[in-house]
C-alpha atoms as a PDB file:
ATOM      1  CA  MET A   1       0.013   0.002  -0.020  1.00  0.00           C
ATOM      2  CA  ASN A   2       1.149   3.524  -0.651  1.00  0.00           C
ATOM      3  CA  ALA A   3       1.540   5.688   2.455  1.00  0.00           C
ATOM      4  CA  LEU A   4       1.668   8.878   0.438  1.00  0.00           C
ATOM      5  CA  GLU A   5       0.715   9.903  -3.179  1.00  0.00           C
ATOM      6  CA  VAL A   6       1.433  13.332  -4.529  1.00  0.00           C
ATOM      7  CA  ARG A   7      -0.067  14.249  -7.833  1.00  0.00           C
ATOM      8  CA  ASN A   8       0.546  17.531  -9.936  1.00  0.00           C
ATOM      9  CA  LEU A   9       1.700  19.316  -6.903  1.00  0.00           C
ATOM     10  CA  GLU A  10       2.433  23.057  -7.400  1.00  0.00           C
ATOM     11  CA  VAL A  11       3.678  25.468  -4.837  1.00  0.00           C
ATOM     12  CA  SER A  12       4.028  29.166  -5.584  1.00  0.00           C
ATOM     13  CA  TYR A  13       5.445  32.291  -3.728  1.00  0.00           C
ATOM     14  CA  GLY A  14       3.675  35.099  -5.456  1.00  0.00           C
ATOM     15  CA  PHE A  15       4.439  34.964  -9.144  1.00  0.00           C
ATOM     16  CA  ILE A  16       7.323  32.436  -8.616  1.00  0.00           C
ATOM     17  CA  LYS A  17       6.605  28.748  -8.864  1.00  0.00           C
ATOM     18  CA  ALA A  18       8.911  26.947  -6.506  1.00  0.00           C
ATOM     19  CA  VAL A  19       7.257  23.433  -7.247  1.00  0.00           C
ATOM     20  CA  LYS A  20       5.971  22.787 -10.824  1.00  0.00           C
ATOM     21  CA  GLY A  21       3.522  19.958 -10.946  1.00  0.00           C
ATOM     22  CA  ILE A  22       5.525  17.052  -9.500  1.00  0.00           C
ATOM     23  CA  ASN A  23       4.361  13.496  -8.815  1.00  0.00           C
ATOM     24  CA  LEU A  24       5.766  11.237  -6.267  1.00  0.00           C
ATOM     25  CA  THR A  25       4.813   8.104  -4.347  1.00  0.00           C
ATOM     26  CA  VAL A  26       6.039   6.842  -0.889  1.00  0.00           C
ATOM     27  CA  GLU A  27       5.369   3.124  -0.489  1.00  0.00           C
ATOM     28  CA  GLU A  28       4.540   2.025   2.904  1.00  0.00           C
ATOM     29  CA  GLY A  29       7.614   0.475   4.845  1.00  0.00           C
ATOM     30  CA  ARG A  30      10.218   2.129   2.790  1.00  0.00           C
ATOM     31  CA  ILE A  31      12.729   4.972   2.829  1.00  0.00           C
ATOM     32  CA  ILE A  32      11.997   7.352  -0.180  1.00  0.00           C
ATOM     33  CA  ALA A  33      14.620  10.048  -0.675  1.00  0.00           C
ATOM     34  CA  LEU A  34      13.845  13.425  -2.239  1.00  0.00           C
ATOM     35  CA  LEU A  35      17.200  14.878  -3.422  1.00  0.00           C
ATOM     36  CA  GLY A  36      18.261  18.225  -4.775  1.00  0.00           C
ATOM     37  CA  SER A  37      20.512  21.171  -4.365  1.00  0.00           C
ATOM     38  CA  ASN A  38      19.561  24.066  -2.213  1.00  0.00           C
ATOM     39  CA  GLY A  39      16.788  26.048  -3.837  1.00  0.00           C
ATOM     40  CA  ALA A  40      15.454  23.041  -5.764  1.00  0.00           C
ATOM     41  CA  GLY A  41      12.007  23.144  -4.020  1.00  0.00           C
ATOM     42  CA  LYS A  42      12.583  20.283  -1.513  1.00  0.00           C
ATOM     43  CA  SER A  43      11.443  22.140   1.614  1.00  0.00           C
ATOM     44  CA  SER A  44       8.522  23.742  -0.321  1.00  0.00           C
ATOM     45  CA  THR A  45       7.387  20.168  -1.279  1.00  0.00           C
ATOM     46  CA  ILE A  46       7.463  18.996   2.395  1.00  0.00           C
ATOM     47  CA  ARG A  47       5.673  22.180   3.623  1.00  0.00           C
ATOM     48  CA  ALA A  48       2.987  21.537   1.153  1.00  0.00           C
ATOM     49  CA  ILE A  49       2.603  17.754   1.840  1.00  0.00           C
ATOM     50  CA  CYS A  50       2.279  18.389   5.672  1.00  0.00           C
ATOM     51  CA  GLY A  51      -0.192  21.366   5.229  1.00  0.00           C
ATOM     52  CA  VAL A  52       1.979  24.229   6.203  1.00  0.00           C
ATOM     53  CA  LYS A  53       2.272  25.854   2.811  1.00  0.00           C
ATOM     54  CA  GLU A  54      -0.796  26.253   0.401  1.00  0.00           C
ATOM     55  CA  SER A  55      -0.557  24.352  -2.818  1.00  0.00           C
ATOM     56  CA  THR A  56      -2.516  22.921  -5.778  1.00  0.00           C
ATOM     57  CA  GLY A  57      -2.795  19.278  -6.862  1.00  0.00           C
ATOM     58  CA  ASP A  58      -3.733  16.221  -4.866  1.00  0.00           C
ATOM     59  CA  ILE A  59      -2.096  14.729  -1.874  1.00  0.00           C
ATOM     60  CA  SER A  60      -3.347  11.406  -0.380  1.00  0.00           C
ATOM     61  CA  PHE A  61      -2.265   9.765   2.882  1.00  0.00           C
ATOM     62  CA  PHE A  62      -2.937   6.112   2.997  1.00  0.00           C
ATOM     63  CA  GLY A  63      -5.796   6.585   0.486  1.00  0.00           C
ATOM     64  CA  GLN A  64      -7.305   9.562   2.117  1.00  0.00           C
ATOM     65  CA  SER A  65      -7.145  12.961   0.457  1.00  0.00           C
ATOM     66  CA  ILE A  66      -5.330  15.578   2.843  1.00  0.00           C
ATOM     67  CA  SER A  67      -5.206  18.344   0.269  1.00  0.00           C
ATOM     68  CA  ARG A  68      -6.026  21.562   2.055  1.00  0.00           C
ATOM     69  CA  MET A  69      -6.419  19.735   5.423  1.00  0.00           C
ATOM     70  CA  ALA A  70      -5.229  21.491   8.519  1.00  0.00           C
ATOM     71  CA  VAL A  71      -1.681  20.857   9.802  1.00  0.00           C
ATOM     72  CA  ASN A  72      -3.039  19.428  13.142  1.00  0.00           C
ATOM     73  CA  LYS A  73      -5.386  17.090  11.522  1.00  0.00           C
ATOM     74  CA  ILE A  74      -2.695  15.751   9.276  1.00  0.00           C
ATOM     75  CA  ALA A  75      -0.480  15.147  12.242  1.00  0.00           C
ATOM     76  CA  LYS A  76      -3.241  13.358  13.945  1.00  0.00           C
ATOM     77  CA  LEU A  77      -3.605  10.915  11.027  1.00  0.00           C
ATOM     78  CA  GLY A  78       0.062   9.984  11.655  1.00  0.00           C
ATOM     79  CA  MET A  79       2.167  12.131   9.429  1.00  0.00           C
ATOM     80  CA  LEU A  80       4.847  13.870  11.490  1.00  0.00           C
ATOM     81  CA  VAL A  81       7.670  16.188  10.464  1.00  0.00           C
ATOM     82  CA  VAL A  82      11.245  16.836  11.630  1.00  0.00           C
ATOM     83  CA  PRO A  83      11.885  20.302  10.278  1.00  0.00           C
ATOM     84  CA  GLU A  84      15.210  21.606   8.883  1.00  0.00           C
ATOM     85  CA  GLY A  85      17.092  23.282  11.627  1.00  0.00           C
ATOM     86  CA  ARG A  86      15.752  20.988  14.295  1.00  0.00           C
ATOM     87  CA  HIS A  87      13.722  23.563  16.366  1.00  0.00           C
ATOM     88  CA  VAL A  88      13.843  21.759  19.710  1.00  0.00           C
ATOM     89  CA  PHE A  89      12.582  23.748  22.730  1.00  0.00           C
ATOM     90  CA  LYS A  90      15.888  24.965  24.038  1.00  0.00           C
ATOM     91  CA  ASP A  91      14.703  25.888  27.569  1.00  0.00           C
ATOM     92  CA  LEU A  92      13.241  22.367  28.141  1.00  0.00           C
ATOM     93  CA  ASN A  93      15.185  19.351  29.168  1.00  0.00           C
ATOM     94  CA  VAL A  94      15.512  16.318  26.915  1.00  0.00           C
ATOM     95  CA  GLU A  95      12.673  14.387  28.418  1.00  0.00           C
ATOM     96  CA  GLU A  96      10.400  17.428  28.455  1.00  0.00           C
ATOM     97  CA  ASN A  97      11.103  17.992  24.738  1.00  0.00           C
ATOM     98  CA  LEU A  98      10.245  14.349  24.065  1.00  0.00           C
ATOM     99  CA  LEU A  99       6.982  14.572  25.903  1.00  0.00           C
ATOM    100  CA  THR A 100       5.794  17.469  23.668  1.00  0.00           C
ATOM    101  CA  GLY A 101       5.771  15.057  20.774  1.00  0.00           C
ATOM    102  CA  ALA A 102       3.491  12.577  22.685  1.00  0.00           C
ATOM    103  CA  PHE A 103       0.375  14.563  23.159  1.00  0.00           C
ATOM    104  CA  THR A 104      -1.610  12.484  20.797  1.00  0.00           C
ATOM    105  CA  VAL A 105      -0.786   8.959  22.137  1.00  0.00           C
ATOM    106  CA  SER A 106      -2.074   6.959  25.224  1.00  0.00           C
ATOM    107  CA  LYS A 107       0.063   6.694  28.425  1.00  0.00           C
ATOM    108  CA  SER A 108       1.008   3.073  27.680  1.00  0.00           C
ATOM    109  CA  GLU A 109       2.118   4.091  24.147  1.00  0.00           C
ATOM    110  CA  ARG A 110       4.053   7.014  25.468  1.00  0.00           C
ATOM    111  CA  ILE A 111       6.058   4.644  27.702  1.00  0.00           C
ATOM    112  CA  LYS A 112       6.670   2.301  24.800  1.00  0.00           C
ATOM    113  CA  ASN A 113       7.828   5.180  22.690  1.00  0.00           C
ATOM    114  CA  PHE A 114      10.207   6.337  25.280  1.00  0.00           C
ATOM    115  CA  GLU A 115      11.859   3.104  25.256  1.00  0.00           C
ATOM    116  CA  ARG A 116      12.014   2.981  21.529  1.00  0.00           C
ATOM    117  CA  VAL A 117      13.626   6.505  21.344  1.00  0.00           C
ATOM    118  CA  TYR A 118      16.205   5.668  24.113  1.00  0.00           C
ATOM    119  CA  ARG A 119      16.949   2.478  22.326  1.00  0.00           C
ATOM    120  CA  TYR A 120      17.829   4.448  19.050  1.00  0.00           C
ATOM    121  CA  PHE A 121      19.532   7.382  20.919  1.00  0.00           C
ATOM    122  CA  PRO A 122      21.100   6.110  24.173  1.00  0.00           C
ATOM    123  CA  VAL A 123      22.806   9.508  24.583  1.00  0.00           C
ATOM    124  CA  LEU A 124      19.404  11.057  25.053  1.00  0.00           C
ATOM    125  CA  LYS A 125      18.656   8.611  27.926  1.00  0.00           C
ATOM    126  CA  GLU A 126      21.963   9.506  29.498  1.00  0.00           C
ATOM    127  CA  ARG A 127      21.147  13.210  29.312  1.00  0.00           C
ATOM    128  CA  LYS A 128      17.265  13.205  29.795  1.00  0.00           C
ATOM    129  CA  THR A 129      17.495  15.900  32.495  1.00  0.00           C
ATOM    130  CA  GLN A 130      19.886  18.132  30.450  1.00  0.00           C
ATOM    131  CA  ILE A 131      18.572  21.382  29.033  1.00  0.00           C
ATOM    132  CA  ALA A 132      18.266  21.085  25.182  1.00  0.00           C
ATOM    133  CA  GLN A 133      20.220  24.151  24.320  1.00  0.00           C
ATOM    134  CA  THR A 134      23.395  22.710  25.986  1.00  0.00           C
ATOM    135  CA  LEU A 135      23.318  19.688  23.587  1.00  0.00           C
ATOM    136  CA  SER A 136      25.591  19.371  20.633  1.00  0.00           C
ATOM    137  CA  GLY A 137      24.084  19.902  17.047  1.00  0.00           C
ATOM    138  CA  GLY A 138      24.055  16.169  16.561  1.00  0.00           C
ATOM    139  CA  GLU A 139      22.341  15.542  19.868  1.00  0.00           C
ATOM    140  CA  GLN A 140      19.717  18.174  19.059  1.00  0.00           C
ATOM    141  CA  GLN A 141      19.032  16.467  15.760  1.00  0.00           C
ATOM    142  CA  MET A 142      18.583  13.232  17.555  1.00  0.00           C
ATOM    143  CA  LEU A 143      16.217  14.983  20.021  1.00  0.00           C
ATOM    144  CA  ALA A 144      14.158  16.360  17.224  1.00  0.00           C
ATOM    145  CA  ILE A 145      13.851  12.929  15.469  1.00  0.00           C
ATOM    146  CA  GLY A 146      13.010  11.300  18.891  1.00  0.00           C
ATOM    147  CA  ARG A 147      10.382  13.964  19.571  1.00  0.00           C
ATOM    148  CA  ALA A 148       8.567  13.084  16.293  1.00  0.00           C
ATOM    149  CA  LEU A 149       8.803   9.363  17.115  1.00  0.00           C
ATOM    150  CA  MET A 150       7.066  10.021  20.325  1.00  0.00           C
ATOM    151  CA  GLY A 151       3.942  10.575  18.361  1.00  0.00           C
ATOM    152  CA  SER A 152       3.905   7.085  16.814  1.00  0.00           C
ATOM    153  CA  PRO A 153       4.112   8.340  13.090  1.00  0.00           C
ATOM    154  CA  LYS A 154       2.933   6.160  10.303  1.00  0.00           C
ATOM    155  CA  LEU A 155       5.000   8.436   7.979  1.00  0.00           C
ATOM    156  CA  LEU A 156       8.080  10.402   9.211  1.00  0.00           C
ATOM    157  CA  LEU A 157       9.111  13.415   7.181  1.00  0.00           C
ATOM    158  CA  LEU A 158      12.764  14.328   7.689  1.00  0.00           C
ATOM    159  CA  ASP A 159      13.881  17.683   6.181  1.00  0.00           C
ATOM    160  CA  GLU A 160      17.709  17.829   5.774  1.00  0.00           C
ATOM    161  CA  PRO A 161      18.454  15.822   8.949  1.00  0.00           C
ATOM    162  CA  SER A 162      22.318  15.792   8.062  1.00  0.00           C
ATOM    163  CA  LEU A 163      22.570  19.602   7.620  1.00  0.00           C
ATOM    164  CA  GLY A 164      25.405  21.097   9.603  1.00  0.00           C
ATOM    165  CA  LEU A 165      26.482  17.873  11.214  1.00  0.00           C
ATOM    166  CA  ALA A 166      30.012  16.362  11.397  1.00  0.00           C
ATOM    167  CA  PRO A 167      30.585  13.373   9.022  1.00  0.00           C
ATOM    168  CA  MET A 168      30.674  10.785  11.780  1.00  0.00           C
ATOM    169  CA  ILE A 169      27.312  12.126  13.274  1.00  0.00           C
ATOM    170  CA  VAL A 170      25.799  12.120   9.810  1.00  0.00           C
ATOM    171  CA  LYS A 171      26.738   8.425   9.388  1.00  0.00           C
ATOM    172  CA  GLU A 172      25.190   7.673  12.803  1.00  0.00           C
ATOM    173  CA  VAL A 173      21.976   9.547  12.065  1.00  0.00           C
ATOM    174  CA  PHE A 174      21.555   7.820   8.629  1.00  0.00           C
ATOM    175  CA  GLU A 175      22.103   4.446  10.305  1.00  0.00           C
ATOM    176  CA  ILE A 176      19.300   5.184  12.821  1.00  0.00           C
ATOM    177  CA  ILE A 177      16.886   6.259  10.058  1.00  0.00           C
ATOM    178  CA  LYS A 178      17.443   3.015   8.387  1.00  0.00           C
ATOM    179  CA  ASN A 179      16.683   1.265  11.747  1.00  0.00           C
ATOM    180  CA  ILE A 180      13.515   3.309  12.010  1.00  0.00           C
ATOM    181  CA  ARG A 181      12.418   2.021   8.624  1.00  0.00           C
ATOM    182  CA  ASP A 182      13.365  -1.548   9.463  1.00  0.00           C
ATOM    183  CA  ASP A 183      11.117  -1.259  12.632  1.00  0.00           C
ATOM    184  CA  GLY A 184       8.133  -0.444  10.417  1.00  0.00           C
ATOM    185  CA  THR A 185       7.958   3.381  10.112  1.00  0.00           C
ATOM    186  CA  THR A 186       7.779   4.660   6.604  1.00  0.00           C
ATOM    187  CA  VAL A 187      10.162   7.555   5.860  1.00  0.00           C
ATOM    188  CA  LEU A 188      10.306  10.328   3.380  1.00  0.00           C
ATOM    189  CA  LEU A 189      13.917  11.718   3.514  1.00  0.00           C
ATOM    190  CA  VAL A 190      14.662  15.154   2.059  1.00  0.00           C
ATOM    191  CA  GLU A 191      18.319  15.669   1.654  1.00  0.00           C
ATOM    192  CA  GLN A 192      21.109  17.610  -0.200  1.00  0.00           C
ATOM    193  CA  ASN A 193      23.553  14.831   0.870  1.00  0.00           C
ATOM    194  CA  ALA A 194      22.641  12.580  -2.093  1.00  0.00           C
ATOM    195  CA  LEU A 195      25.246   9.948  -1.423  1.00  0.00           C
ATOM    196  CA  GLY A 196      24.411   9.432   2.234  1.00  0.00           C
ATOM    197  CA  ALA A 197      20.614   9.343   1.439  1.00  0.00           C
ATOM    198  CA  LEU A 198      21.003   6.920  -1.491  1.00  0.00           C
ATOM    199  CA  LYS A 199      22.920   4.519   0.549  1.00  0.00           C
ATOM    200  CA  ILE A 200      19.925   3.891   2.987  1.00  0.00           C
ATOM    201  CA  ALA A 201      16.918   4.696   0.664  1.00  0.00           C
ATOM    202  CA  ASP A 202      14.877   2.207  -1.334  1.00  0.00           C
ATOM    203  CA  TYR A 203      13.795   4.721  -3.972  1.00  0.00           C
ATOM    204  CA  ALA A 204      14.674   8.282  -4.782  1.00  0.00           C
ATOM    205  CA  TYR A 205      13.426  11.328  -6.676  1.00  0.00           C
ATOM    206  CA  VAL A 206      15.802  14.034  -7.803  1.00  0.00           C
ATOM    207  CA  LEU A 207      14.349  17.538  -7.855  1.00  0.00           C
ATOM    208  CA  GLU A 208      15.818  20.337  -9.871  1.00  0.00           C
ATOM    209  CA  VAL A 209      14.309  23.790 -10.232  1.00  0.00           C
ATOM    210  CA  GLY A 210      10.940  22.635  -8.986  1.00  0.00           C
ATOM    211  CA  GLN A 211      10.642  19.576 -11.203  1.00  0.00           C
ATOM    212  CA  ILE A 212      11.508  15.862 -10.913  1.00  0.00           C
ATOM    213  CA  ASN A 213      14.262  15.251 -13.486  1.00  0.00           C
ATOM    214  CA  MET A 214      15.280  11.770 -12.368  1.00  0.00           C
ATOM    215  CA  GLU A 215      13.934   8.933 -10.171  1.00  0.00           C
ATOM    216  CA  GLY A 216      14.502   5.207  -9.697  1.00  0.00           C
ATOM    217  CA  PRO A 217      15.677   2.585  -7.146  1.00  0.00           C
ATOM    218  CA  ALA A 218      18.385   4.067  -4.942  1.00  0.00           C
ATOM    219  CA  LYS A 219      20.787   1.212  -5.753  1.00  0.00           C
ATOM    220  CA  GLU A 220      20.686   2.218  -9.393  1.00  0.00           C
ATOM    221  CA  LEU A 221      20.769   5.913  -9.030  1.00  0.00           C
ATOM    222  CA  ILE A 222      23.888   5.802  -6.811  1.00  0.00           C
ATOM    223  CA  ASN A 223      25.729   4.324  -9.842  1.00  0.00           C
ATOM    224  CA  ASN A 224      24.126   6.843 -12.438  1.00  0.00           C
ATOM    225  CA  PRO A 225      26.804   8.861 -14.247  1.00  0.00           C
ATOM    226  CA  ALA A 226      24.576  11.914 -14.642  1.00  0.00           C
ATOM    227  CA  LEU A 227      23.656  12.008 -10.983  1.00  0.00           C
ATOM    228  CA  ILE A 228      27.227  11.284  -9.851  1.00  0.00           C
ATOM    229  CA  GLU A 229      28.597  14.249 -11.679  1.00  0.00           C
ATOM    230  CA  ALA A 230      25.681  16.641 -10.815  1.00  0.00           C
ATOM    231  CA  TYR A 231      25.185  15.736  -7.193  1.00  0.00           C
ATOM    232  CA  LEU A 232      28.065  13.772  -5.982  1.00  0.00           C
ATOM    233  CA  GLY A 233      30.691  16.034  -7.183  1.00  0.00           C
ATOM    234  CA  HIS A 234      32.903  13.799  -9.506  1.00  0.00           C
ATOM    235  CA  LYS A 235      32.745  11.831 -12.686  1.00  0.00           C
END
């Protein structure tokens, strides 16, 4: 079954079209990567899908149309977003931040989700009473992902999770994203880091100037000469 279907999506800012009629499908239980350079329209696509930005076209979530549905209603259906830049609550501690993501779930599910988050991110358990603004950038990214997982998402949207992180932390975060998929949560991964994303993704779309110009299984795209030259920086 498809977790997400996007058809003829267009996003505009005044007279400028940031997204120009794209189509993409996210199959349940997979990691789907949406790749592209800065300004390609990736974040605009994510903002439209989760209801933050007005758009035209049709967006379906597990067969239900969510076009023009309110953000909070989309979240309650099980689509949760980790935005670019993390945006943790810096004056709250780690555990309090995680609790803010669990307002739609039962107490028993909240307990189970804490166990899951701390299994993925042991450092968060070690620092559960630490104020979020004192965490490193990588730890704040882990906290942002953990907060979204506390809401038991059916589809997790990750917007540039590797941005600004050291290479070793990026590798760790990508490995955890793969584990999240393996545990049954569908992931739409938006990334400039094409190589890192393709190593863990099942399928990928490449967005350029608001249009999909390439798509296919990740294991094929990672060896595509045009993609390697344009996005991975070498021939």
